[in-house]
Amino acid sequence: MKRSVISRRKFIDNSVKATIMSSVAFAGFPTIVPSSVFGKSAPSDKINIGQIGFGRIAYTHDLPEILNYDKARVIALADLDSNRAAQGKKFIDSFYSKRTGKADYVNAKIYDDYRKMLQDPGIDAVIISTPDHWHAQPAIEAALAGKDIYLQKPTSLTIKEGRLLSDIVRKKRVILQVGTQQRSMPQFRIAAELVRNGRIGKLHTVKIGLPGDPSGPDAPEMPVPKNLNYDMWLGSTENEYYTEMRVHPQNSLTDRPGWLRCEQFGAGMITGWGQHHFDSAAWGMDTELTGPVSIEAVAQFPKSGLWDVHGDFMSKAEYGNGITMFTSGGYPNGVRYEGTEGWIFVTRGSYTASPSDPVAKTESSKALDASDPGILTSNIADNEIHLYVSEEQHGNWLDCIKSRKEPISPVEIGHRACSVCLVTHIAMKLGRKLQWDPDKELFVNDSEANNLLSRKQRAPYGTDFIKM
């Protein structure tokens, strides 16, 4: 599918909302599919894809986006909830049936264990749209199986497993695209280019708006649904009683799942949205392959209830190049670069990847702003810094599978952005300033903090038990 390239001036002059919303997949069957998708291109020419996990993100974002492209064909799906697996199969088969008029064009195969799917030599690539604690392990196993990977963020839940993932992906030379799709939104690239080319003078401060999560009530133990392999769903984390509020809604694919607010399965908004904004900030700060040298944070944590991730917080990260980055829910949701000669603010505007994204549209509708409007239309000369251009995150991944070139959000850059989330979370928990060595990926002279760079894993699940 060919997409038009948006120029800087056209982006500024056009309606931001129209530009952003043109890339949003609605929660249903995609309709923007070229007529050639089932005509000239033979199925053997397509990239055969397996979908791992069919929940909110897969249903409303990953699958609708990937099905836009005639070079891809989704042929399999794995989910350890048999109801969701059946819904996913129906979603995929109905899409292809509607487009081809053939009820059995794909007949997507479903698996109750993604590891069985990875053994299929007919699958070229996988999309991983699972809960956060099930990101690094299937990505590593997919890389070991030689599959290219689209991985939802956060890249990992520990520095240790993120480093392992990055090293294996690069060793196996598979194409891994992290789902930090802000890189494919033109305003984030424009902002980073303007900052990198000195349009606001010397950058000294970055302020990131990132909300916390609310606390919740206690939730009683419930019988495990027969359709859910709950032991595997818990994976490498400790064994806890089942309650629907801890997992995902049994009767909805679009409601926000409870695991997002349980520290056992993630870290809250610091990883949930933090990797997006820290990745975008690093693009403008020119710190994509490094990290802060110090980090400190304060945060509120619930004192009761099932949900225990952080609420309101504020953090301060200092970088070796002299830039200081502040992050707090008190700032507008987005990234504000401040330099000696002005500032630039960038946000998603009205874009949402899924219906339950925590975006206050009325408060963040202007996707790109600056202290002087003239900054935004400044021409970037041929001999200045021009950053990677991608028109859509999933499409860029598919292009790179074909070309074998590095995607716009490769694994090492993803790991580094995720690392900022993770060391910030550790600072929240310890409540004191920490010195970080981004080269060694260790805290300096702090065994207590370094003990938090990995998690105890429950066999047989977890990256510690993968057969290399």
Protein backbone atom coordinates (compact mmCIF):
# COMPACT_ATOMS: atom_id res chain seq x y z
CA MET A 1 0.00 0.00 0.00
CA LYS A 2 1.49 3.32 -1.04
CA ARG A 3 1.16 6.20 1.39
CA SER A 4 1.93 9.83 0.63
CA VAL A 5 4.81 11.58 2.38
CA ILE A 6 3.78 14.66 4.41
CA SER A 7 6.07 17.67 4.15
CA ARG A 8 6.88 19.83 7.17
CA ARG A 9 5.00 22.85 5.85
CA LYS A 10 1.98 20.81 4.74
CA PHE A 11 1.80 19.24 8.19
CA ILE A 12 1.84 22.63 9.90
CA ASP A 13 -0.68 24.20 7.53
CA ASN A 14 -3.19 21.34 7.41
CA SER A 15 -5.59 20.35 10.12
CA VAL A 16 -3.58 18.43 12.71
CA LYS A 17 -6.57 16.36 13.64
CA ALA A 18 -7.17 15.26 10.05
CA THR A 19 -3.52 14.34 9.62
CA ILE A 20 -3.31 12.29 12.81
CA MET A 21 -6.71 10.62 12.56
CA SER A 22 -5.99 9.42 9.03
CA SER A 23 -3.65 6.84 10.53
CA VAL A 24 -5.98 5.65 13.29
CA ALA A 25 -7.43 2.17 12.97
CA PHE A 26 -10.95 1.95 14.35
CA ALA A 27 -12.09 -0.93 16.53
CA GLY A 28 -13.44 -3.09 13.74
CA PHE A 29 -12.46 -4.37 10.34
CA PRO A 30 -9.98 -2.22 8.39
CA THR A 31 -11.39 -0.84 5.14
CA ILE A 32 -8.37 0.86 3.55
CA VAL A 33 -7.01 -2.05 1.54
CA PRO A 34 -5.76 -1.71 -2.06
CA SER A 35 -7.58 -3.58 -4.82
CA SER A 36 -4.34 -5.40 -5.63
CA VAL A 37 -4.19 -7.08 -2.27
CA PHE A 38 -5.79 -10.23 -3.60
CA GLY A 39 -5.18 -9.68 -7.31
CA LYS A 40 -1.73 -9.41 -8.81
CA SER A 41 0.17 -10.44 -5.68
CA ALA A 42 0.26 -14.20 -5.23
CA PRO A 43 -0.06 -15.44 -1.62
CA SER A 44 3.46 -16.92 -1.88
CA ASP A 45 4.83 -13.38 -2.27
CA LYS A 46 3.39 -12.26 1.03
CA ILE A 47 4.92 -12.07 4.49
CA ASN A 48 3.10 -14.73 6.51
CA ILE A 49 2.41 -13.44 10.01
CA GLY A 50 1.38 -15.06 13.28
CA GLN A 51 -0.37 -12.93 15.90
CA ILE A 52 0.57 -13.61 19.54
CA GLY A 53 -2.16 -12.40 21.88
CA PHE A 54 -5.62 -11.16 20.90
CA GLY A 55 -6.67 -8.50 23.37
CA ARG A 56 -7.26 -4.77 23.34
CA ILE A 57 -4.10 -3.73 21.47
CA ALA A 58 -4.24 -6.52 18.89
CA TYR A 59 -7.94 -5.98 18.21
CA THR A 60 -7.98 -2.19 18.00
CA HIS A 61 -4.45 -1.40 16.79
CA ASP A 62 -1.97 -4.05 15.66
CA LEU A 63 -4.18 -6.23 13.48
CA PRO A 64 -6.19 -3.38 11.90
CA GLU A 65 -2.91 -1.68 10.97
CA ILE A 66 -1.14 -4.77 9.59
CA LEU A 67 -4.17 -5.84 7.55
CA ASN A 68 -3.86 -2.57 5.61
CA TYR A 69 -0.88 -3.93 3.69
CA ASP A 70 -1.04 -6.22 0.68
CA LYS A 71 2.46 -7.55 1.35
CA ALA A 72 1.31 -9.17 4.61
CA ARG A 73 -0.98 -12.11 5.30
CA VAL A 74 -2.01 -13.05 8.84
CA ILE A 75 -2.34 -16.83 8.88
CA ALA A 76 -2.19 -17.84 12.56
CA LEU A 77 -3.00 -16.63 16.05
CA ALA A 78 -2.00 -17.78 19.53
CA ASP A 79 -3.77 -16.98 22.78
CA LEU A 80 -3.98 -18.89 26.05
CA ASP A 81 -7.59 -17.75 26.48
CA SER A 82 -9.53 -20.05 24.11
CA ASN A 83 -12.42 -17.57 23.83
CA ARG A 84 -10.08 -14.82 22.68
CA ALA A 85 -8.32 -17.21 20.31
CA ALA A 86 -11.66 -18.04 18.71
CA GLN A 87 -12.56 -14.33 18.48
CA GLY A 88 -9.21 -13.62 16.88
CA LYS A 89 -9.67 -16.32 14.29
CA LYS A 90 -13.12 -14.98 13.45
CA PHE A 91 -11.70 -11.45 13.15
CA ILE A 92 -8.96 -12.54 10.73
CA ASP A 93 -11.04 -14.97 8.66
CA SER A 94 -13.95 -12.51 8.37
CA PHE A 95 -11.62 -9.79 7.14
CA TYR A 96 -10.15 -11.93 4.37
CA SER A 97 -13.52 -13.43 3.49
CA LYS A 98 -15.00 -9.96 3.12
CA ARG A 99 -12.14 -8.84 0.89
CA THR A 100 -11.85 -11.93 -1.32
CA GLY A 101 -15.29 -13.46 -1.27
CA LYS A 102 -13.61 -16.73 -0.27
CA ALA A 103 -14.63 -18.09 3.12
CA ASP A 104 -11.49 -20.23 3.42
CA TYR A 105 -8.92 -17.86 1.90
CA VAL A 106 -6.78 -18.02 5.05
CA ASN A 107 -8.60 -20.23 7.58
CA ALA A 108 -6.27 -18.91 10.29
CA LYS A 109 -4.81 -21.59 12.52
CA ILE A 110 -5.12 -21.04 16.25
CA TYR A 111 -2.74 -22.16 18.98
CA ASP A 112 -3.09 -22.33 22.74
CA ASP A 113 0.68 -21.92 23.12
CA TYR A 114 2.66 -19.47 20.99
CA ARG A 115 5.72 -21.70 21.22
CA LYS A 116 3.98 -24.26 19.01
CA MET A 117 3.29 -21.53 16.48
CA LEU A 118 6.95 -20.52 16.43
CA GLN A 119 7.81 -24.01 15.21
CA ASP A 120 5.81 -23.49 11.99
CA PRO A 121 8.30 -22.88 9.15
CA GLY A 122 5.53 -21.27 7.10
CA ILE A 123 5.38 -18.28 9.47
CA ASP A 124 7.86 -15.53 8.62
CA ALA A 125 7.12 -13.03 11.37
CA VAL A 126 5.10 -12.50 14.53
CA ILE A 127 3.33 -9.61 16.23
CA ILE A 128 3.52 -9.73 20.03
CA SER A 129 0.54 -7.96 21.63
CA THR A 130 0.61 -9.62 25.05
CA PRO A 131 0.59 -8.29 28.63
CA ASP A 132 3.86 -6.58 29.57
CA HIS A 133 5.30 -9.51 31.55
CA TRP A 134 4.98 -11.62 28.41
CA HIS A 135 7.02 -9.37 26.09
CA ALA A 136 10.69 -10.27 26.39
CA GLN A 137 10.35 -14.04 26.56
CA PRO A 138 8.28 -14.62 23.38
CA ALA A 139 10.37 -12.01 21.54
CA ILE A 140 13.60 -13.83 22.44
CA GLU A 141 12.10 -17.19 21.51
CA ALA A 142 10.84 -15.78 18.21
CA ALA A 143 14.29 -14.41 17.42
CA LEU A 144 15.86 -17.78 18.21
CA ALA A 145 13.34 -19.36 15.82
CA GLY A 146 14.40 -16.91 13.08
CA LYS A 147 11.12 -14.97 13.00
CA ASP A 148 10.96 -11.22 12.47
CA ILE A 149 9.12 -9.46 15.28
CA TYR A 150 6.79 -6.55 15.95
CA LEU A 151 6.91 -6.07 19.73
CA GLN A 152 4.55 -3.92 21.74
CA LYS A 153 6.21 -1.77 24.36
CA PRO A 154 7.55 -1.90 27.00
CA THR A 155 10.41 -3.86 25.52
CA SER A 156 11.02 -5.64 28.84
CA LEU A 157 10.29 -5.40 32.55
CA THR A 158 13.92 -5.59 33.67
CA ILE A 159 17.23 -4.23 32.43
CA LYS A 160 18.64 -7.77 32.45
CA GLU A 161 16.05 -9.26 30.11
CA GLY A 162 16.09 -6.16 27.87
CA ARG A 163 19.82 -6.50 27.37
CA LEU A 164 19.43 -10.21 26.62
CA LEU A 165 16.68 -9.50 24.09
CA SER A 166 18.70 -6.84 22.27
CA ASP A 167 21.81 -9.00 22.09
CA ILE A 168 19.95 -12.04 20.75
CA VAL A 169 17.95 -10.09 18.17
CA ARG A 170 21.11 -8.53 16.78
CA LYS A 171 22.99 -11.83 16.85
CA LYS A 172 20.21 -13.63 14.97
CA ARG A 173 19.83 -10.68 12.56
CA VAL A 174 16.06 -10.67 12.68
CA ILE A 175 14.05 -7.50 12.15
CA LEU A 176 12.46 -6.32 15.39
CA GLN A 177 10.27 -3.24 15.41
CA VAL A 178 9.21 -1.84 18.79
CA GLY A 179 5.66 -0.48 18.89
CA THR A 180 6.72 3.07 19.76
CA GLN A 181 4.60 4.43 16.92
CA GLN A 182 5.17 8.07 17.85
CA ARG A 183 8.31 7.79 15.69
CA SER A 184 6.03 7.38 12.69
CA MET A 185 3.92 10.43 13.55
CA PRO A 186 5.32 13.38 11.59
CA GLN A 187 5.14 15.93 14.38
CA PHE A 188 7.53 13.96 16.64
CA ARG A 189 10.14 13.69 13.87
CA ILE A 190 9.73 17.36 12.96
CA ALA A 191 10.19 18.43 16.59
CA ALA A 192 13.29 16.26 17.01
CA GLU A 193 14.82 17.52 13.76
CA LEU A 194 14.28 21.16 14.71
CA VAL A 195 15.83 20.60 18.13
CA ARG A 196 18.77 18.60 16.77
CA ASN A 197 19.45 21.37 14.25
CA GLY A 198 19.58 24.10 16.88
CA ARG A 199 16.34 25.93 16.11
CA ILE A 200 15.77 26.59 19.83
CA GLY A 201 19.45 27.17 20.59
CA LYS A 202 21.27 24.87 22.95
CA LEU A 203 18.89 22.31 24.47
CA HIS A 204 19.15 22.24 28.26
CA THR A 205 15.81 20.99 29.65
CA VAL A 206 13.13 18.49 28.61
CA LYS A 207 9.77 18.27 30.38
CA ILE A 208 7.59 15.21 29.82
CA GLY A 209 3.94 15.00 30.79
CA LEU A 210 3.01 11.50 31.92
CA PRO A 211 0.05 10.65 34.17
CA GLY A 212 -0.12 8.07 36.94
CA ASP A 213 -2.78 5.42 37.51
CA PRO A 214 -5.62 5.43 40.05
CA SER A 215 -5.84 3.03 42.95
CA GLY A 216 -8.58 0.42 42.99
CA PRO A 217 -10.67 -1.65 45.37
CA ASP A 218 -9.93 -5.07 46.76
CA ALA A 219 -11.05 -7.89 44.50
CA PRO A 220 -12.24 -11.25 45.81
CA GLU A 221 -10.92 -14.58 44.56
CA MET A 222 -12.91 -16.04 41.68
CA PRO A 223 -12.96 -19.42 39.93
CA VAL A 224 -10.53 -19.53 37.01
CA PRO A 225 -12.52 -19.53 33.74
CA LYS A 226 -12.29 -22.85 31.91
CA ASN A 227 -11.23 -21.01 28.79
CA LEU A 228 -8.11 -19.47 30.43
CA ASN A 229 -4.75 -21.13 31.08
CA TYR A 230 -4.16 -18.99 34.14
CA ASP A 231 -0.92 -20.65 35.22
CA MET A 232 0.69 -19.79 31.89
CA TRP A 233 -0.91 -16.33 31.90
CA LEU A 234 0.88 -15.62 35.22
CA GLY A 235 4.04 -16.81 33.54
CA SER A 236 7.29 -16.06 35.35
CA THR A 237 5.55 -13.97 38.04
CA GLU A 238 4.54 -15.27 41.46
CA ASN A 239 1.42 -17.38 41.86
CA GLU A 240 -1.62 -15.29 42.89
CA TYR A 241 -5.30 -16.14 43.13
CA TYR A 242 -7.43 -15.41 40.09
CA THR A 243 -9.79 -12.48 39.98
CA GLU A 244 -11.02 -10.97 36.74
CA MET A 245 -9.92 -7.49 37.81
CA ARG A 246 -6.31 -8.73 37.90
CA VAL A 247 -6.37 -10.16 34.36
CA HIS A 248 -8.63 -9.01 31.51
CA PRO A 249 -12.39 -8.63 31.08
CA GLN A 250 -14.03 -11.85 29.97
CA ASN A 251 -16.71 -10.04 27.96
CA SER A 252 -14.80 -7.19 26.36
CA LEU A 253 -11.83 -6.77 24.05
CA THR A 254 -11.69 -2.98 24.30
CA ASP A 255 -11.90 -2.21 28.03
CA ARG A 256 -8.64 -1.41 29.81
CA PRO A 257 -7.36 -4.66 31.41
CA GLY A 258 -6.63 -4.81 35.13
CA TRP A 259 -3.10 -6.19 34.78
CA LEU A 260 -1.95 -2.77 33.54
CA ARG A 261 -2.37 -1.53 37.11
CA CYS A 262 -0.71 -4.47 38.87
CA GLU A 263 3.02 -4.10 39.47
CA GLN A 264 3.41 -7.84 39.22
CA PHE A 265 2.81 -7.59 35.47
CA GLY A 266 4.26 -4.17 34.72
CA ALA A 267 5.21 -0.92 36.37
CA GLY A 268 2.25 1.31 35.54
CA MET A 269 2.27 4.36 33.30
CA ILE A 270 6.04 4.79 33.64
CA THR A 271 6.42 1.82 31.28
CA GLY A 272 2.92 1.92 29.77
CA TRP A 273 3.36 5.32 28.13
CA GLY A 274 6.80 6.20 29.43
CA GLN A 275 8.62 4.29 26.72
CA HIS A 276 6.76 6.28 24.06
CA HIS A 277 7.70 9.67 25.49
CA PHE A 278 11.22 8.77 26.63
CA ASP A 279 11.90 7.39 23.15
CA SER A 280 10.63 10.57 21.51
CA ALA A 281 12.61 12.75 23.92
CA ALA A 282 15.81 10.80 23.24
CA TRP A 283 15.33 11.39 19.51
CA GLY A 284 15.56 15.14 20.04
CA MET A 285 18.17 14.90 22.82
CA ASP A 286 20.48 12.70 20.68
CA THR A 287 20.67 10.16 23.53
CA GLU A 288 19.04 7.18 21.80
CA LEU A 289 21.91 4.79 22.51
CA THR A 290 22.76 5.88 26.02
CA GLY A 291 20.88 6.93 29.16
CA PRO A 292 20.92 9.26 32.13
CA VAL A 293 23.83 9.41 34.55
CA SER A 294 21.60 10.11 37.54
CA ILE A 295 17.95 9.60 38.34
CA GLU A 296 15.74 10.58 41.29
CA ALA A 297 11.99 10.34 41.75
CA VAL A 298 9.13 10.66 44.20
CA ALA A 299 5.84 8.85 43.73
CA GLN A 300 2.60 7.99 45.44
CA PHE A 301 1.71 4.30 45.72
CA PRO A 302 -1.67 2.88 46.84
CA LYS A 303 -1.79 1.65 50.42
CA SER A 304 -4.60 -0.82 49.77
CA GLY A 305 -6.52 -2.47 46.95
CA LEU A 306 -5.59 -4.83 44.11
CA TRP A 307 -4.04 -2.17 41.90
CA ASP A 308 -0.63 -1.17 43.22
CA VAL A 309 1.25 0.67 40.48
CA HIS A 310 2.39 4.26 40.98
CA GLY A 311 0.03 7.21 40.98
CA ASP A 312 1.20 10.83 40.75
CA PHE A 313 4.97 11.16 40.52
CA MET A 314 7.83 13.39 39.49
CA SER A 315 11.29 12.39 38.34
CA LYS A 316 14.52 14.14 37.42
CA ALA A 317 17.11 12.57 35.10
CA GLU A 318 20.49 14.15 34.35
CA TYR A 319 22.41 13.29 31.19
CA GLY A 320 26.10 13.42 30.44
CA ASN A 321 25.55 16.02 27.70
CA GLY A 322 24.20 18.52 30.24
CA ILE A 323 20.47 18.04 29.58
CA THR A 324 18.07 17.61 32.49
CA MET A 325 14.79 15.78 31.92
CA PHE A 326 11.80 16.19 34.24
CA THR A 327 8.77 13.89 34.06
CA SER A 328 5.46 14.39 35.85
CA GLY A 329 1.72 14.15 35.43
CA GLY A 330 1.65 17.85 36.25
CA TYR A 331 2.94 18.69 32.77
CA PRO A 332 0.77 18.49 29.61
CA ASN A 333 0.90 15.00 28.09
CA GLY A 334 3.76 15.20 25.60
CA VAL A 335 7.38 16.34 25.30
CA ARG A 336 8.56 19.94 25.73
CA TYR A 337 12.11 20.80 24.63
CA GLU A 338 13.55 24.00 26.16
CA GLY A 339 16.63 25.68 24.73
CA THR A 340 18.54 28.93 25.12
CA GLU A 341 16.51 30.51 22.30
CA GLY A 342 13.01 29.08 22.69
CA TRP A 343 10.95 25.93 23.17
CA ILE A 344 9.06 23.29 21.18
CA PHE A 345 6.20 21.17 22.50
CA VAL A 346 5.01 17.99 20.76
CA THR A 347 2.21 15.57 21.59
CA ARG A 348 -0.04 13.02 19.91
CA GLY A 349 -2.91 15.45 19.59
CA SER A 350 -6.18 13.57 19.24
CA TYR A 351 -4.57 10.28 18.15
CA THR A 352 -5.27 7.18 20.23
CA ALA A 353 -3.94 3.68 19.59
CA SER A 354 -6.88 2.15 21.44
CA PRO A 355 -10.20 3.51 22.74
CA SER A 356 -9.10 3.42 26.38
CA ASP A 357 -5.85 5.38 25.96
CA PRO A 358 -5.63 8.05 28.71
CA VAL A 359 -5.60 11.06 26.36
CA ALA A 360 -7.32 14.27 27.39
CA LYS A 361 -8.14 15.40 23.85
CA THR A 362 -9.31 18.86 24.82
CA GLU A 363 -6.05 19.50 26.65
CA SER A 364 -3.63 18.15 24.04
CA SER A 365 -5.28 18.83 20.70
CA LYS A 366 -2.41 20.93 19.33
CA ALA A 367 0.18 18.37 18.26
CA LEU A 368 3.07 20.77 17.62
CA ASP A 369 3.73 24.17 19.16
CA ALA A 370 6.68 26.50 19.71
CA SER A 371 7.64 29.73 21.42
CA ASP A 372 7.85 31.29 17.95
CA PRO A 373 5.58 29.86 15.21
CA GLY A 374 8.33 30.58 12.71
CA ILE A 375 10.45 27.85 14.27
CA LEU A 376 8.02 25.20 13.05
CA THR A 377 8.27 26.19 9.38
CA SER A 378 12.03 26.60 9.45
CA ASN A 379 13.65 24.85 6.49
CA ILE A 380 16.09 22.04 7.26
CA ALA A 381 18.87 22.33 4.69
CA ASP A 382 20.29 19.35 2.84
CA ASN A 383 23.53 19.54 4.82
CA GLU A 384 21.72 19.50 8.19
CA ILE A 385 20.46 16.55 10.26
CA HIS A 386 17.56 14.66 8.69
CA LEU A 387 15.99 11.91 10.78
CA TYR A 388 14.50 8.59 9.71
CA VAL A 389 11.15 9.02 7.93
CA SER A 390 8.45 6.40 8.42
CA GLU A 391 4.85 6.86 7.33
CA GLU A 392 3.41 4.15 9.60
CA GLN A 393 5.05 1.87 12.16
CA HIS A 394 3.71 -1.49 10.98
CA GLY A 395 4.29 -0.65 7.33
CA ASN A 396 7.88 0.35 8.06
CA TRP A 397 8.38 -3.03 9.76
CA LEU A 398 7.08 -4.87 6.69
CA ASP A 399 9.27 -2.80 4.38
CA CYS A 400 12.31 -3.67 6.48
CA ILE A 401 11.44 -7.36 6.50
CA LYS A 402 11.65 -7.19 2.71
CA SER A 403 14.77 -4.97 2.51
CA ARG A 404 16.51 -6.27 5.70
CA LYS A 405 17.28 -2.67 6.63
CA GLU A 406 17.00 -1.42 10.22
CA PRO A 407 13.48 -0.28 11.15
CA ILE A 408 12.69 3.10 12.66
CA SER A 409 12.34 1.64 16.20
CA PRO A 410 15.02 -1.06 16.41
CA VAL A 411 15.62 -3.24 19.44
CA GLU A 412 18.61 -1.43 20.97
CA ILE A 413 16.95 1.97 20.81
CA GLY A 414 13.83 0.39 22.27
CA HIS A 415 15.83 -1.20 25.08
CA ARG A 416 17.48 2.13 25.93
CA ALA A 417 14.17 4.01 26.07
CA CYS A 418 12.67 1.24 28.19
CA SER A 419 15.70 1.36 30.49
CA VAL A 420 14.88 4.98 31.36
CA CYS A 421 11.42 3.80 32.43
CA LEU A 422 12.85 1.00 34.54
CA VAL A 423 15.54 2.99 36.35
CA THR A 424 12.95 5.71 37.02
CA HIS A 425 10.67 3.11 38.56
CA ILE A 426 13.51 1.85 40.74
CA ALA A 427 14.14 5.43 41.88
CA MET A 428 10.44 5.75 42.73
CA LYS A 429 10.64 2.64 44.90
CA LEU A 430 13.85 3.60 46.69
CA GLY A 431 13.03 7.29 47.06
CA ARG A 432 16.58 8.60 46.71
CA LYS A 433 18.96 9.87 44.05
CA LEU A 434 20.73 7.12 42.13
CA GLN A 435 23.86 7.27 39.99
CA TRP A 436 23.52 5.27 36.76
CA ASP A 437 26.27 4.05 34.42
CA PRO A 438 24.58 3.76 30.99
CA ASP A 439 27.56 1.96 29.48
CA LYS A 440 27.76 -0.80 32.09
CA GLU A 441 23.99 -0.63 32.72
CA LEU A 442 24.54 -0.70 36.45
CA PHE A 443 23.93 1.67 39.34
CA VAL A 444 27.15 3.05 40.76
CA ASN A 445 28.13 1.56 44.14
CA ASP A 446 24.53 0.65 45.02
CA SER A 447 23.87 -3.05 45.53
CA GLU A 448 20.29 -2.45 46.70
CA ALA A 449 19.39 -0.70 43.46
CA ASN A 450 21.32 -3.21 41.33
CA ASN A 451 19.33 -6.05 42.89
CA LEU A 452 16.26 -4.52 41.23
CA LEU A 453 17.69 -4.81 37.71
CA SER A 454 16.28 -8.33 37.47
CA ARG A 455 13.31 -10.24 38.90
CA LYS A 456 12.99 -13.69 40.41
CA GLN A 457 11.31 -15.92 37.85
CA ARG A 458 8.88 -18.77 38.39
CA ALA A 459 9.90 -21.89 36.49
CA PRO A 460 9.30 -23.09 33.87
CA TYR A 461 8.45 -19.60 32.59
CA GLY A 462 10.80 -16.67 32.15
CA THR A 463 13.88 -15.66 30.20
CA ASP A 464 16.14 -17.46 32.68
CA PHE A 465 14.75 -20.79 31.46
CA ILE A 466 14.91 -20.30 27.69
CA LYS A 467 16.99 -22.93 25.93
CA MET A 468 19.46 -20.98 23.81
